[in-house]
Amino acid sequence: MNNKEIQFNPDDLVKSVESFAQHIKNVYYEMYSLKEDLNEYKKMNELQYKLMKNAEERGIKRGLEESQEELQKYKLFVKSLLNPDEYGYVVTAEVRYQARILLGMNPVESKLKK
């Protein structure tokens, strides 16, 4: 074996350490930036979820309101079947009987009870 003396230049070692330190610093900043980006992404996803949930709830509420409006129209029509000024004299006793049942009223035309 050769017993060669290892020579190194202290300035080269300082440069290597500084270069390595700068590399670590760059990695740290990249990781920090990535962490911030992930936090922003998480916040955006949470906001998107809230907006979608809110829109869904408003859509369901609007659908319910529309359904209630439609139901009210049907109720008014069924009531008109009992009103003599509208269809009350035109429809048969059987129709009036069923209209009263649909409206939750007592059927007054007793001969039609089943």
N, C-alpha and C. Protein backbone atom coordinates (compact mmCIF):
# COMPACT_ATOMS: atom_id res chain seq x y z
N MET A 1 0.82 -1.18 0.00
CA MET A 1 0.00 0.00 0.00
C MET A 1 0.86 1.24 0.00
N ASN A 2 0.32 2.16 -0.71
CA ASN A 2 1.01 3.44 -0.73
C ASN A 2 0.51 4.29 0.41
N ASN A 3 1.36 4.83 1.09
CA ASN A 3 0.99 5.76 2.15
C ASN A 3 1.11 7.17 1.62
N LYS A 4 0.17 7.47 0.80
CA LYS A 4 0.18 8.82 0.26
C LYS A 4 -0.56 9.73 1.23
N GLU A 5 -0.05 10.83 1.33
CA GLU A 5 -0.68 11.80 2.20
C GLU A 5 -1.82 12.46 1.43
N ILE A 6 -2.98 12.49 2.10
CA ILE A 6 -4.14 13.12 1.47
C ILE A 6 -4.02 14.60 1.68
N GLN A 7 -4.11 15.26 0.57
CA GLN A 7 -4.03 16.71 0.65
C GLN A 7 -5.39 17.29 0.26
N PHE A 8 -5.80 18.24 1.01
CA PHE A 8 -7.01 18.95 0.63
C PHE A 8 -6.81 20.41 0.93
N ASN A 9 -7.50 21.14 0.17
CA ASN A 9 -7.41 22.58 0.29
C ASN A 9 -8.56 23.04 1.17
N PRO A 10 -8.29 23.75 2.25
CA PRO A 10 -9.36 24.22 3.13
C PRO A 10 -10.35 25.12 2.41
N ASP A 11 -9.88 25.86 1.43
CA ASP A 11 -10.80 26.72 0.68
C ASP A 11 -11.81 25.88 -0.11
N ASP A 12 -11.32 24.74 -0.65
CA ASP A 12 -12.23 23.85 -1.38
C ASP A 12 -13.28 23.25 -0.44
N LEU A 13 -12.85 22.90 0.76
CA LEU A 13 -13.78 22.35 1.74
C LEU A 13 -14.83 23.40 2.12
N VAL A 14 -14.43 24.62 2.32
CA VAL A 14 -15.36 25.70 2.65
C VAL A 14 -16.36 25.88 1.51
N LYS A 15 -15.87 25.86 0.27
CA LYS A 15 -16.75 25.99 -0.88
C LYS A 15 -17.74 24.83 -0.96
N SER A 16 -17.27 23.62 -0.68
CA SER A 16 -18.15 22.45 -0.71
C SER A 16 -19.23 22.55 0.37
N VAL A 17 -18.84 22.95 1.56
CA VAL A 17 -19.80 23.09 2.66
C VAL A 17 -20.80 24.19 2.34
N GLU A 18 -20.33 25.30 1.81
CA GLU A 18 -21.24 26.39 1.44
C GLU A 18 -22.20 25.95 0.34
N SER A 19 -21.71 25.21 -0.62
CA SER A 19 -22.55 24.71 -1.70
C SER A 19 -23.61 23.75 -1.16
N PHE A 20 -23.19 22.88 -0.27
CA PHE A 20 -24.11 21.93 0.34
C PHE A 20 -25.15 22.67 1.18
N ALA A 21 -24.72 23.67 1.92
CA ALA A 21 -25.64 24.47 2.75
C ALA A 21 -26.65 25.19 1.86
N GLN A 22 -26.19 25.72 0.74
CA GLN A 22 -27.10 26.40 -0.19
C GLN A 22 -28.10 25.41 -0.77
N HIS A 23 -27.65 24.20 -1.08
CA HIS A 23 -28.53 23.16 -1.59
C HIS A 23 -29.62 22.81 -0.55
N ILE A 24 -29.21 22.67 0.70
CA ILE A 24 -30.17 22.36 1.77
C ILE A 24 -31.16 23.52 1.92
N LYS A 25 -30.66 24.74 1.83
CA LYS A 25 -31.51 25.91 1.94
C LYS A 25 -32.54 25.92 0.80
N ASN A 26 -32.11 25.61 -0.42
CA ASN A 26 -33.02 25.56 -1.57
C ASN A 26 -34.09 24.48 -1.38
N VAL A 27 -33.68 23.32 -0.89
CA VAL A 27 -34.63 22.24 -0.65
C VAL A 27 -35.64 22.67 0.41
N TYR A 28 -35.15 23.32 1.46
CA TYR A 28 -36.05 23.80 2.52
C TYR A 28 -37.08 24.77 1.95
N TYR A 29 -36.63 25.73 1.13
CA TYR A 29 -37.56 26.71 0.56
C TYR A 29 -38.56 26.04 -0.39
N GLU A 30 -38.10 25.06 -1.14
CA GLU A 30 -39.00 24.33 -2.02
C GLU A 30 -40.04 23.55 -1.21
N MET A 31 -39.62 22.92 -0.13
CA MET A 31 -40.55 22.18 0.72
C MET A 31 -41.54 23.13 1.39
N TYR A 32 -41.06 24.28 1.85
CA TYR A 32 -41.94 25.26 2.47
C TYR A 32 -42.97 25.78 1.45
N SER A 33 -42.49 26.04 0.25
CA SER A 33 -43.38 26.50 -0.81
C SER A 33 -44.41 25.43 -1.15
N LEU A 34 -43.99 24.19 -1.19
CA LEU A 34 -44.90 23.08 -1.45
C LEU A 34 -45.95 22.98 -0.34
N LYS A 35 -45.50 23.14 0.90
CA LYS A 35 -46.43 23.11 2.03
C LYS A 35 -47.47 24.21 1.90
N GLU A 36 -47.05 25.41 1.54
CA GLU A 36 -47.97 26.53 1.37
C GLU A 36 -48.95 26.26 0.22
N ASP A 37 -48.44 25.70 -0.86
CA ASP A 37 -49.31 25.36 -2.00
C ASP A 37 -50.36 24.32 -1.59
N LEU A 38 -49.94 23.33 -0.82
CA LEU A 38 -50.87 22.30 -0.37
C LEU A 38 -51.93 22.89 0.56
N ASN A 39 -51.53 23.80 1.42
CA ASN A 39 -52.50 24.47 2.30
C ASN A 39 -53.51 25.27 1.49
N GLU A 40 -53.03 25.98 0.46
CA GLU A 40 -53.94 26.73 -0.41
C GLU A 40 -54.88 25.79 -1.14
N TYR A 41 -54.35 24.67 -1.62
CA TYR A 41 -55.17 23.67 -2.32
C TYR A 41 -56.25 23.13 -1.40
N LYS A 42 -55.86 22.85 -0.15
CA LYS A 42 -56.82 22.35 0.84
C LYS A 42 -57.91 23.39 1.09
N LYS A 43 -57.53 24.66 1.25
CA LYS A 43 -58.51 25.72 1.47
C LYS A 43 -59.45 25.85 0.28
N MET A 44 -58.90 25.76 -0.94
CA MET A 44 -59.73 25.85 -2.14
C MET A 44 -60.71 24.68 -2.21
N ASN A 45 -60.24 23.48 -1.87
CA ASN A 45 -61.13 22.32 -1.88
C ASN A 45 -62.23 22.46 -0.85
N GLU A 46 -61.90 22.97 0.33
CA GLU A 46 -62.92 23.17 1.37
C GLU A 46 -63.94 24.21 0.91
N LEU A 47 -63.47 25.28 0.30
CA LEU A 47 -64.36 26.31 -0.20
C LEU A 47 -65.24 25.77 -1.32
N GLN A 48 -64.64 25.00 -2.22
CA GLN A 48 -65.41 24.40 -3.31
C GLN A 48 -66.49 23.47 -2.75
N TYR A 49 -66.14 22.69 -1.74
CA TYR A 49 -67.11 21.79 -1.12
C TYR A 49 -68.27 22.58 -0.51
N LYS A 50 -67.91 23.66 0.21
CA LYS A 50 -68.95 24.49 0.84
C LYS A 50 -69.86 25.12 -0.22
N LEU A 51 -69.25 25.62 -1.30
CA LEU A 51 -70.05 26.23 -2.36
C LEU A 51 -70.97 25.21 -3.02
N MET A 52 -70.44 24.02 -3.28
CA MET A 52 -71.26 22.98 -3.90
C MET A 52 -72.38 22.54 -2.97
N LYS A 53 -72.07 22.39 -1.69
CA LYS A 53 -73.08 21.99 -0.70
C LYS A 53 -74.18 23.07 -0.61
N ASN A 54 -73.75 24.32 -0.57
CA ASN A 54 -74.69 25.43 -0.50
C ASN A 54 -75.57 25.46 -1.75
N ALA A 55 -74.97 25.28 -2.92
CA ALA A 55 -75.74 25.27 -4.17
C ALA A 55 -76.72 24.10 -4.19
N GLU A 56 -76.25 22.96 -3.70
CA GLU A 56 -77.12 21.78 -3.64
C GLU A 56 -78.31 22.04 -2.72
N GLU A 57 -78.04 22.61 -1.55
CA GLU A 57 -79.11 22.89 -0.60
C GLU A 57 -80.10 23.91 -1.17
N ARG A 58 -79.56 24.93 -1.86
CA ARG A 58 -80.45 25.91 -2.48
C ARG A 58 -81.28 25.26 -3.58
N GLY A 59 -80.66 24.38 -4.35
CA GLY A 59 -81.38 23.67 -5.40
C GLY A 59 -82.48 22.80 -4.84
N ILE A 60 -82.18 22.10 -3.77
CA ILE A 60 -83.19 21.25 -3.11
C ILE A 60 -84.30 22.13 -2.56
N LYS A 61 -83.92 23.24 -1.94
CA LYS A 61 -84.93 24.15 -1.38
C LYS A 61 -85.80 24.71 -2.50
N ARG A 62 -85.16 25.11 -3.60
CA ARG A 62 -85.91 25.65 -4.72
C ARG A 62 -86.84 24.58 -5.29
N GLY A 63 -86.34 23.34 -5.37
CA GLY A 63 -87.18 22.23 -5.84
C GLY A 63 -88.37 22.00 -4.92
N LEU A 64 -88.12 22.09 -3.61
CA LEU A 64 -89.22 21.95 -2.65
C LEU A 64 -90.24 23.07 -2.81
N GLU A 65 -89.73 24.28 -2.98
CA GLU A 65 -90.64 25.41 -3.15
C GLU A 65 -91.48 25.25 -4.41
N GLU A 66 -90.83 24.79 -5.49
CA GLU A 66 -91.57 24.56 -6.73
C GLU A 66 -92.59 23.45 -6.54
N SER A 67 -92.22 22.40 -5.83
CA SER A 67 -93.15 21.31 -5.57
C SER A 67 -94.32 21.79 -4.74
N GLN A 68 -94.04 22.65 -3.75
CA GLN A 68 -95.11 23.20 -2.92
C GLN A 68 -96.06 24.05 -3.77
N GLU A 69 -95.49 24.82 -4.69
CA GLU A 69 -96.32 25.64 -5.57
C GLU A 69 -97.21 24.75 -6.44
N GLU A 70 -96.64 23.68 -6.99
CA GLU A 70 -97.43 22.75 -7.81
C GLU A 70 -98.52 22.09 -6.98
N LEU A 71 -98.18 21.67 -5.78
CA LEU A 71 -99.16 21.05 -4.89
C LEU A 71 -100.29 22.03 -4.58
N GLN A 72 -99.94 23.29 -4.36
CA GLN A 72 -100.96 24.30 -4.07
C GLN A 72 -101.90 24.46 -5.27
N LYS A 73 -101.36 24.41 -6.48
CA LYS A 73 -102.21 24.51 -7.68
C LYS A 73 -103.19 23.33 -7.74
N TYR A 74 -102.70 22.13 -7.44
CA TYR A 74 -103.58 20.96 -7.46
C TYR A 74 -104.67 21.08 -6.38
N LYS A 75 -104.28 21.56 -5.21
CA LYS A 75 -105.27 21.72 -4.14
C LYS A 75 -106.34 22.72 -4.53
N LEU A 76 -105.92 23.82 -5.16
CA LEU A 76 -106.89 24.83 -5.59
C LEU A 76 -107.85 24.24 -6.63
N PHE A 77 -107.32 23.42 -7.52
CA PHE A 77 -108.17 22.80 -8.52
C PHE A 77 -109.17 21.85 -7.86
N VAL A 78 -108.68 21.01 -6.93
CA VAL A 78 -109.59 20.07 -6.26
C VAL A 78 -110.64 20.85 -5.48
N LYS A 79 -110.26 21.95 -4.84
CA LYS A 79 -111.24 22.78 -4.13
C LYS A 79 -112.26 23.36 -5.10
N SER A 80 -111.81 23.70 -6.30
CA SER A 80 -112.74 24.27 -7.28
C SER A 80 -113.80 23.25 -7.69
N LEU A 81 -113.51 21.96 -7.52
CA LEU A 81 -114.51 20.93 -7.83
C LEU A 81 -115.66 20.96 -6.83
N LEU A 82 -115.43 21.56 -5.67
CA LEU A 82 -116.46 21.64 -4.64
C LEU A 82 -117.19 22.99 -4.65
N ASN A 83 -116.64 23.94 -5.35
CA ASN A 83 -117.18 25.30 -5.35
C ASN A 83 -118.28 25.41 -6.40
N PRO A 84 -119.51 25.74 -5.99
CA PRO A 84 -120.61 25.86 -6.95
C PRO A 84 -120.39 26.96 -7.99
N ASP A 85 -119.60 27.98 -7.66
CA ASP A 85 -119.32 29.06 -8.61
C ASP A 85 -118.30 28.64 -9.67
N GLU A 86 -117.63 27.52 -9.43
CA GLU A 86 -116.66 27.05 -10.42
C GLU A 86 -117.17 25.76 -11.05
N TYR A 87 -116.67 24.60 -10.57
CA TYR A 87 -117.07 23.32 -11.17
C TYR A 87 -118.04 22.52 -10.31
N GLY A 88 -118.40 23.04 -9.19
CA GLY A 88 -119.21 22.30 -8.22
C GLY A 88 -120.50 21.72 -8.76
N TYR A 89 -121.20 22.45 -9.64
CA TYR A 89 -122.45 21.94 -10.20
C TYR A 89 -122.21 21.09 -11.44
N VAL A 90 -121.05 21.18 -12.00
CA VAL A 90 -120.76 20.46 -13.24
C VAL A 90 -120.31 19.03 -12.96
N VAL A 91 -119.58 18.81 -11.88
CA VAL A 91 -119.04 17.48 -11.59
C VAL A 91 -120.07 16.64 -10.84
N THR A 92 -119.86 15.34 -10.90
CA THR A 92 -120.80 14.42 -10.25
C THR A 92 -120.56 14.37 -8.74
N ALA A 93 -121.50 13.80 -8.05
CA ALA A 93 -121.39 13.64 -6.60
C ALA A 93 -120.19 12.77 -6.25
N GLU A 94 -119.91 11.78 -7.10
CA GLU A 94 -118.75 10.90 -6.84
C GLU A 94 -117.44 11.70 -6.89
N VAL A 95 -117.35 12.61 -7.84
CA VAL A 95 -116.14 13.44 -7.95
C VAL A 95 -116.02 14.35 -6.73
N ARG A 96 -117.11 14.97 -6.33
CA ARG A 96 -117.07 15.83 -5.13
C ARG A 96 -116.70 15.01 -3.89
N TYR A 97 -117.23 13.79 -3.81
CA TYR A 97 -116.93 12.89 -2.68
C TYR A 97 -115.42 12.65 -2.61
N GLN A 98 -114.81 12.28 -3.75
CA GLN A 98 -113.37 12.00 -3.78
C GLN A 98 -112.56 13.28 -3.53
N ALA A 99 -113.04 14.41 -4.02
CA ALA A 99 -112.34 15.69 -3.79
C ALA A 99 -112.29 16.00 -2.30
N ARG A 100 -113.41 15.79 -1.60
CA ARG A 100 -113.43 16.03 -0.15
C ARG A 100 -112.45 15.11 0.57
N ILE A 101 -112.40 13.87 0.16
CA ILE A 101 -111.46 12.91 0.78
C ILE A 101 -110.02 13.37 0.55
N LEU A 102 -109.71 13.76 -0.70
CA LEU A 102 -108.35 14.24 -1.01
C LEU A 102 -107.97 15.46 -0.18
N LEU A 103 -108.93 16.29 0.11
CA LEU A 103 -108.65 17.51 0.88
C LEU A 103 -108.70 17.27 2.39
N GLY A 104 -108.99 16.03 2.78
CA GLY A 104 -109.03 15.72 4.21
C GLY A 104 -110.32 16.16 4.87
N MET A 105 -111.33 16.36 4.08
CA MET A 105 -112.63 16.80 4.61
C MET A 105 -113.53 15.58 4.80
N ASN A 106 -114.58 15.76 5.58
CA ASN A 106 -115.58 14.70 5.74
C ASN A 106 -116.47 14.68 4.49
N PRO A 107 -116.63 13.52 3.89
CA PRO A 107 -117.53 13.45 2.74
C PRO A 107 -118.97 13.62 3.22
N VAL A 108 -119.68 14.56 2.64
CA VAL A 108 -121.06 14.82 3.10
C VAL A 108 -122.10 14.09 2.30
N GLU A 109 -121.71 13.59 1.18
CA GLU A 109 -122.68 12.85 0.35
C GLU A 109 -122.68 11.43 0.81
N SER A 110 -123.48 11.15 1.83
CA SER A 110 -123.45 9.88 2.57
C SER A 110 -123.85 8.67 1.74
N LYS A 111 -124.65 8.85 0.73
CA LYS A 111 -125.07 7.68 -0.06
C LYS A 111 -123.93 7.08 -0.85
N LEU A 112 -122.80 7.79 -0.97
CA LEU A 112 -121.65 7.30 -1.73
C LEU A 112 -120.61 6.60 -0.87
N LYS A 113 -120.76 6.61 0.44
CA LYS A 113 -119.76 5.98 1.30
C LYS A 113 -119.65 4.51 0.98
N LYS A 114 -118.46 4.04 1.01
CA LYS A 114 -118.20 2.63 0.69
C LYS A 114 -117.76 1.89 1.91
